[in-house]
């Protein structure tokens, strides 16, 4: 008889999917950084959601039973798109005002926020080991970015607000994951994000905010924007799959892997070589993630043993 997957077995699948997503998603930041000197940030964000809508919409019409004719929980799905668009704009808006290390370190309070929100809003049971792993991972992130903490004032609230918006996005992802097809979730998130960013670009075109005024990219830049959208689509699709299989509090520590990948890309693409302290931070992040993975696998084995499977 074939062995059926237990919830903890699915939890392990979620961890693997989350790790792969965190290895992919920093490619978005690398492309955005290379384009930001000639394309407004809000236009880069708009392209990310525009191409996601095109890619996922075509895939949904091809493979999703019933297509997109009967959306489930549409208000919540649209809210996901607004939240991820808001988080992206808030974070990138902080970069001209704060040192990059400070902005990143402030944003990566997000796994801590997510862990708390998962307990408060989703009723997830969070043990001390999981909380400790999140805190250790945050400590490793601080060693990598080595923030100066010299920036003060309202600008420091931007990445924190972005972290809160992204945590709420992931909470909605977890809530909808059990009853909404991943393709549908990503299509409506991309659609609502594209609509919001189109309004922002419209305000820029009208001269309301000069920094939001769009430009016409070169054909090469259109290619990079399309690639950015494809990476975002694939990476966040994996995140949706991960959150449909594992609790948010279990997956939270693995978000720190994004800093590990981003630091590696910074070296390979921009020749930004991390120092010894940063390498130590990477080791700590990997160790905290591996501990959670080992812990969940151990719990899975114990439960399978008790059930006699």
Protein backbone atom coordinates (compact mmCIF):
# COMPACT_ATOMS: atom_id res chain seq x y z
CA UNK A 1 0.00 0.00 0.00
CA UNK A 2 1.33 3.44 -0.87
CA UNK A 3 2.23 5.57 2.11
CA UNK A 4 0.22 8.77 2.32
CA UNK A 5 1.91 12.05 3.17
CA UNK A 6 1.35 13.25 6.72
CA UNK A 7 1.08 16.95 7.59
CA UNK A 8 4.65 16.87 8.85
CA UNK A 9 5.79 15.27 5.61
CA UNK A 10 4.20 18.17 3.75
CA UNK A 11 5.98 20.45 6.19
CA UNK A 12 9.32 19.12 4.99
CA UNK A 13 8.22 19.73 1.40
CA UNK A 14 7.37 23.32 2.35
CA UNK A 15 10.84 23.86 3.77
CA UNK A 16 12.51 22.61 0.57
CA UNK A 17 10.29 24.86 -1.58
CA UNK A 18 11.03 27.86 0.65
CA UNK A 19 14.79 27.29 0.43
CA UNK A 20 14.65 27.15 -3.39
CA UNK A 21 12.56 30.35 -3.45
CA UNK A 22 15.06 32.19 -1.26
CA UNK A 23 17.86 31.14 -3.61
CA UNK A 24 15.96 32.63 -6.57
CA UNK A 25 14.35 35.82 -5.28
CA UNK A 26 17.51 37.89 -4.69
CA UNK A 27 17.93 37.89 -8.47
CA UNK A 28 15.13 40.48 -8.45
CA UNK A 29 17.22 42.86 -6.32
CA UNK A 30 20.33 42.34 -8.45
CA UNK A 31 18.47 43.21 -11.65
CA UNK A 32 16.64 46.12 -10.01
CA UNK A 33 19.90 47.55 -8.71
CA UNK A 34 21.47 47.40 -12.16
CA UNK A 35 18.47 49.17 -13.74
CA UNK A 36 17.76 51.76 -11.05
CA UNK A 37 20.21 54.35 -12.44
CA UNK A 38 18.19 54.69 -15.65
CA UNK A 39 14.65 53.51 -14.83
CA UNK A 40 12.53 54.86 -11.92
CA UNK A 41 12.08 52.39 -9.06
CA UNK A 42 8.28 52.52 -9.28
CA UNK A 43 8.48 51.59 -12.97
CA UNK A 44 10.69 48.60 -12.14
CA UNK A 45 8.12 47.53 -9.55
CA UNK A 46 5.33 48.00 -12.11
CA UNK A 47 7.17 45.79 -14.62
CA UNK A 48 7.59 43.08 -12.00
CA UNK A 49 3.80 42.81 -11.53
CA UNK A 50 2.94 43.41 -15.19
CA UNK A 51 5.04 40.50 -16.40
CA UNK A 52 3.82 38.32 -13.53
CA UNK A 53 0.24 38.92 -14.67
CA UNK A 54 1.10 37.99 -18.25
CA UNK A 55 3.09 34.86 -17.37
CA UNK A 56 0.73 33.49 -14.72
CA UNK A 57 -2.40 34.48 -16.65
CA UNK A 58 -1.26 32.48 -19.68
CA UNK A 59 -0.33 29.50 -17.48
CA UNK A 60 -3.67 29.62 -15.64
CA UNK A 61 -5.69 29.69 -18.86
CA UNK A 62 -3.70 26.69 -20.09
CA UNK A 63 -3.54 24.48 -17.00
CA UNK A 64 -5.98 25.73 -14.35
CA UNK A 65 -9.33 23.88 -14.45
CA UNK A 66 -12.03 26.44 -15.15
CA UNK A 67 -9.40 29.07 -15.87
CA UNK A 68 -9.87 32.26 -13.89
CA UNK A 69 -13.63 32.48 -14.34
CA UNK A 70 -14.60 31.89 -10.71
CA UNK A 71 -12.09 33.47 -8.35
CA UNK A 72 -12.17 32.27 -4.73
CA UNK A 73 -11.84 34.84 -1.93
CA UNK A 74 -11.12 37.56 -4.48
CA UNK A 75 -10.88 40.47 -1.98
CA UNK A 76 -8.19 38.64 0.00
CA UNK A 77 -6.33 37.73 -3.18
CA UNK A 78 -6.36 41.32 -4.39
CA UNK A 79 -5.24 42.44 -0.93
CA UNK A 80 -2.18 40.18 -1.28
CA UNK A 81 -1.20 42.02 -4.43
CA UNK A 82 -1.64 45.42 -2.80
CA UNK A 83 0.44 44.34 0.20
CA UNK A 84 3.35 42.98 -1.85
CA UNK A 85 3.31 46.08 -4.06
CA UNK A 86 3.26 48.30 -0.97
CA UNK A 87 6.11 46.37 0.64
CA UNK A 88 8.23 46.61 -2.52
CA UNK A 89 7.67 50.35 -2.97
CA UNK A 90 8.30 51.12 0.70
CA UNK A 91 11.56 49.20 0.77
CA UNK A 92 12.97 50.60 -2.45
CA UNK A 93 11.88 54.10 -1.42
CA UNK A 94 14.04 53.78 1.69
CA UNK A 95 17.23 53.08 -0.25
CA UNK A 96 17.97 56.68 -1.29
CA UNK A 97 17.40 57.82 2.30
CA UNK A 98 19.20 55.15 4.33
CA UNK A 99 22.47 53.23 4.03
CA UNK A 100 21.73 49.93 2.30
CA UNK A 101 22.89 47.90 5.31
CA UNK A 102 20.55 49.78 7.64
CA UNK A 103 17.59 49.37 5.28
CA UNK A 104 18.19 45.63 4.90
CA UNK A 105 18.68 45.03 8.62
CA UNK A 106 15.54 46.98 9.45
CA UNK A 107 13.52 45.03 6.86
CA UNK A 108 14.68 41.71 8.23
CA UNK A 109 12.70 42.15 11.39
CA UNK A 110 10.05 40.63 9.10
CA UNK A 111 10.58 36.96 10.13
CA UNK A 112 10.14 38.05 13.75
CA UNK A 113 6.95 39.93 12.84
CA UNK A 114 5.73 36.93 10.84
CA UNK A 115 6.36 34.55 13.73
CA UNK A 116 4.34 36.74 16.10
CA UNK A 117 1.52 37.32 13.61
CA UNK A 118 1.33 33.57 12.88
CA UNK A 119 0.66 32.98 16.58
CA UNK A 120 -1.79 35.88 16.99
CA UNK A 121 -3.72 35.69 13.71
CA UNK A 122 -3.39 32.03 12.72
CA UNK A 123 -3.20 30.45 16.17
CA UNK A 124 -0.01 28.57 15.32
CA UNK A 125 1.82 26.98 18.23
CA UNK A 126 5.33 28.36 18.41
CA UNK A 127 7.88 26.62 20.60
CA UNK A 128 10.95 28.23 22.10
CA UNK A 129 13.26 26.44 19.66
CA UNK A 130 11.55 28.02 16.66
CA UNK A 131 11.63 31.48 18.24
CA UNK A 132 15.31 31.00 19.09
CA UNK A 133 16.09 29.95 15.50
CA UNK A 134 14.44 33.12 14.16
CA UNK A 135 16.39 35.29 16.61
CA UNK A 136 19.68 33.54 15.79
CA UNK A 137 19.02 33.96 12.08
CA UNK A 138 18.37 37.68 12.64
CA UNK A 139 21.69 37.92 14.47
CA UNK A 140 23.42 36.30 11.50
CA UNK A 141 21.72 38.78 9.17
CA UNK A 142 23.06 41.67 11.24
CA UNK A 143 26.59 40.27 10.97
CA UNK A 144 26.28 40.17 7.17
CA UNK A 145 24.85 43.65 6.61
CA UNK A 146 26.78 45.18 9.55
CA UNK A 147 24.42 48.14 10.01
CA UNK A 148 25.74 51.36 11.44
CA UNK A 149 22.46 52.31 13.13
CA UNK A 150 23.37 55.94 12.54
CA UNK A 151 20.25 56.67 10.45
CA UNK A 152 17.44 58.16 12.49
CA UNK A 153 14.16 59.81 11.79
CA UNK A 154 11.05 58.90 9.77
CA UNK A 155 13.07 57.30 6.94
CA UNK A 156 13.91 54.38 9.24
CA UNK A 157 10.19 53.57 9.40
CA UNK A 158 10.02 52.77 5.67
CA UNK A 159 11.75 49.37 5.72
CA UNK A 160 9.97 48.47 8.97
CA UNK A 161 6.63 49.30 7.35
CA UNK A 162 7.71 47.24 4.33
CA UNK A 163 8.51 44.31 6.64
CA UNK A 164 5.08 44.54 8.28
CA UNK A 165 3.31 44.69 4.90
CA UNK A 166 5.28 41.69 3.63
CA UNK A 167 4.52 39.70 6.79
CA UNK A 168 0.80 40.37 6.30
CA UNK A 169 1.19 39.28 2.67
CA UNK A 170 2.64 35.97 3.85
CA UNK A 171 -0.11 35.56 6.46
CA UNK A 172 -2.71 35.92 3.69
CA UNK A 173 -0.68 33.49 1.59
CA UNK A 174 -0.84 30.93 4.39
CA UNK A 175 -4.58 31.55 4.94
CA UNK A 176 -5.50 31.19 1.27
CA UNK A 177 -3.04 28.44 0.42
CA UNK A 178 -5.31 25.57 1.44
CA UNK A 179 -8.32 26.66 -0.64
CA UNK A 180 -7.01 28.70 -3.58
CA UNK A 181 -5.04 27.36 -6.54
CA UNK A 182 -1.47 28.76 -6.49
CA UNK A 183 -1.74 29.93 -10.10
CA UNK A 184 -4.91 31.88 -9.32
CA UNK A 185 -3.31 33.42 -6.23
CA UNK A 186 -0.31 34.62 -8.18
CA UNK A 187 -2.38 35.94 -11.08
CA UNK A 188 -4.61 38.12 -8.92
CA UNK A 189 -1.66 39.27 -6.81
CA UNK A 190 0.15 40.29 -9.99
CA UNK A 191 -2.96 41.93 -11.44
CA UNK A 192 -3.74 44.02 -8.36
CA UNK A 193 -0.07 44.94 -7.96
CA UNK A 194 0.10 46.02 -11.60
CA UNK A 195 -3.05 48.14 -11.23
CA UNK A 196 -1.71 49.86 -8.10
CA UNK A 197 1.64 50.58 -9.74
CA UNK A 198 -0.07 51.82 -12.92
CA UNK A 199 -1.87 54.41 -10.80
CA UNK A 200 1.46 55.40 -9.26
CA UNK A 201 3.06 55.76 -12.70
CA UNK A 202 0.05 57.78 -13.84
CA UNK A 203 0.63 60.21 -10.99
CA UNK A 204 4.27 60.42 -12.06
CA UNK A 205 3.29 61.12 -15.65
CA UNK A 206 1.02 63.94 -14.44
CA UNK A 207 3.95 65.45 -12.54
CA UNK A 208 2.50 64.85 -9.07
CA UNK A 209 5.76 63.19 -7.98
CA UNK A 210 8.73 63.84 -10.24
CA UNK A 211 10.59 60.70 -9.15
CA UNK A 212 7.69 58.57 -10.37
CA UNK A 213 7.72 59.87 -13.95
CA UNK A 214 8.12 56.85 -16.29
CA UNK A 215 10.68 56.55 -19.07
CA UNK A 216 10.76 54.34 -22.17
CA UNK A 217 13.33 51.57 -21.56
CA UNK A 218 15.68 50.31 -24.24
CA UNK A 219 14.93 46.91 -25.76
CA UNK A 220 17.71 45.40 -23.68
CA UNK A 221 16.20 46.87 -20.52
CA UNK A 222 12.80 45.49 -21.49
CA UNK A 223 14.47 42.09 -21.59
CA UNK A 224 15.90 42.58 -18.10
CA UNK A 225 12.53 43.76 -16.80
CA UNK A 226 10.87 40.67 -18.29
CA UNK A 227 13.50 38.46 -16.64
CA UNK A 228 12.91 40.23 -13.32
CA UNK A 229 9.19 39.53 -13.67
CA UNK A 230 9.85 35.88 -14.51
CA UNK A 231 12.10 35.40 -11.45
CA UNK A 232 9.56 37.11 -9.21
CA UNK A 233 6.79 34.95 -10.64
CA UNK A 234 8.66 31.69 -10.16
CA UNK A 235 10.06 32.58 -6.75
CA UNK A 236 6.78 33.74 -5.26
CA UNK A 237 4.95 30.78 -6.80
CA UNK A 238 7.30 28.55 -4.80
CA UNK A 239 6.58 30.64 -1.70
CA UNK A 240 2.85 30.07 -2.19
CA UNK A 241 3.43 26.32 -2.51
CA UNK A 242 5.64 26.35 0.60
CA UNK A 243 3.06 28.20 2.71
CA UNK A 244 0.34 25.78 1.58
CA UNK A 245 2.39 22.95 3.08
CA UNK A 246 4.06 24.33 6.21
CA UNK A 247 3.19 26.74 9.04
CA UNK A 248 4.37 30.32 8.64
CA UNK A 249 6.36 30.13 11.87
CA UNK A 250 8.25 27.08 10.56
CA UNK A 251 9.21 28.81 7.32
CA UNK A 252 10.12 32.19 8.87
CA UNK A 253 13.79 31.38 9.68
CA UNK A 254 14.46 30.32 6.10
CA UNK A 255 13.78 33.83 4.85
CA UNK A 256 17.23 34.80 6.11
CA UNK A 257 18.68 32.66 3.31
CA UNK A 258 17.69 35.52 1.01
CA UNK A 259 20.42 37.66 2.57
CA UNK A 260 22.91 34.84 2.02
CA UNK A 261 22.02 34.64 -1.67
CA UNK A 262 21.89 38.41 -2.05
CA UNK A 263 25.36 38.74 -0.58
CA UNK A 264 26.69 36.10 -2.96
CA UNK A 265 25.11 37.86 -5.95
CA UNK A 266 26.55 41.15 -4.74
CA UNK A 267 30.01 39.63 -4.96
CA UNK A 268 29.51 37.86 -8.30
CA UNK A 269 27.69 40.68 -10.11
CA UNK A 270 28.90 43.87 -8.40
CA UNK A 271 32.26 42.66 -7.01
CA UNK A 272 31.12 43.47 -3.48
CA UNK A 273 33.24 41.03 -1.48
CA UNK A 274 31.91 40.20 2.02
CA UNK A 275 34.33 40.32 4.93
CA UNK A 276 35.05 37.66 7.51
CA UNK A 277 32.26 38.85 9.83
CA UNK A 278 29.77 38.55 6.96
CA UNK A 279 30.92 34.99 6.26
CA UNK A 280 30.34 34.16 9.93
CA UNK A 281 26.83 35.58 9.58
CA UNK A 282 26.19 33.33 6.58
CA UNK A 283 27.27 30.29 8.57
CA UNK A 284 24.92 31.26 11.42
CA UNK A 285 21.99 31.74 9.01
CA UNK A 286 22.56 28.37 7.36
CA UNK A 287 22.93 26.70 10.77
CA UNK A 288 19.65 28.15 12.07
CA UNK A 289 17.82 27.01 8.94
CA UNK A 290 19.35 23.55 9.05
CA UNK A 291 18.39 23.22 12.71
CA UNK A 292 14.73 23.96 11.95
CA UNK A 293 14.81 21.54 9.00
CA UNK A 294 16.35 18.82 11.20
CA UNK A 295 13.86 19.52 13.98
CA UNK A 296 10.85 19.25 11.66
CA UNK A 297 12.23 16.08 10.08
CA UNK A 298 12.74 14.57 13.54
CA UNK A 299 9.16 15.40 14.50
CA UNK A 300 8.00 13.83 11.23
CA UNK A 301 9.85 10.60 12.00
CA UNK A 302 8.45 10.47 15.53
CA UNK A 303 4.88 10.98 14.31
CA UNK A 304 5.25 8.36 11.60
CA UNK A 305 6.63 5.96 14.21
CA UNK A 306 3.69 6.58 16.54
CA UNK A 307 1.17 6.08 13.72
CA UNK A 308 2.87 2.85 12.63
CA UNK A 309 3.43 4.01 9.05
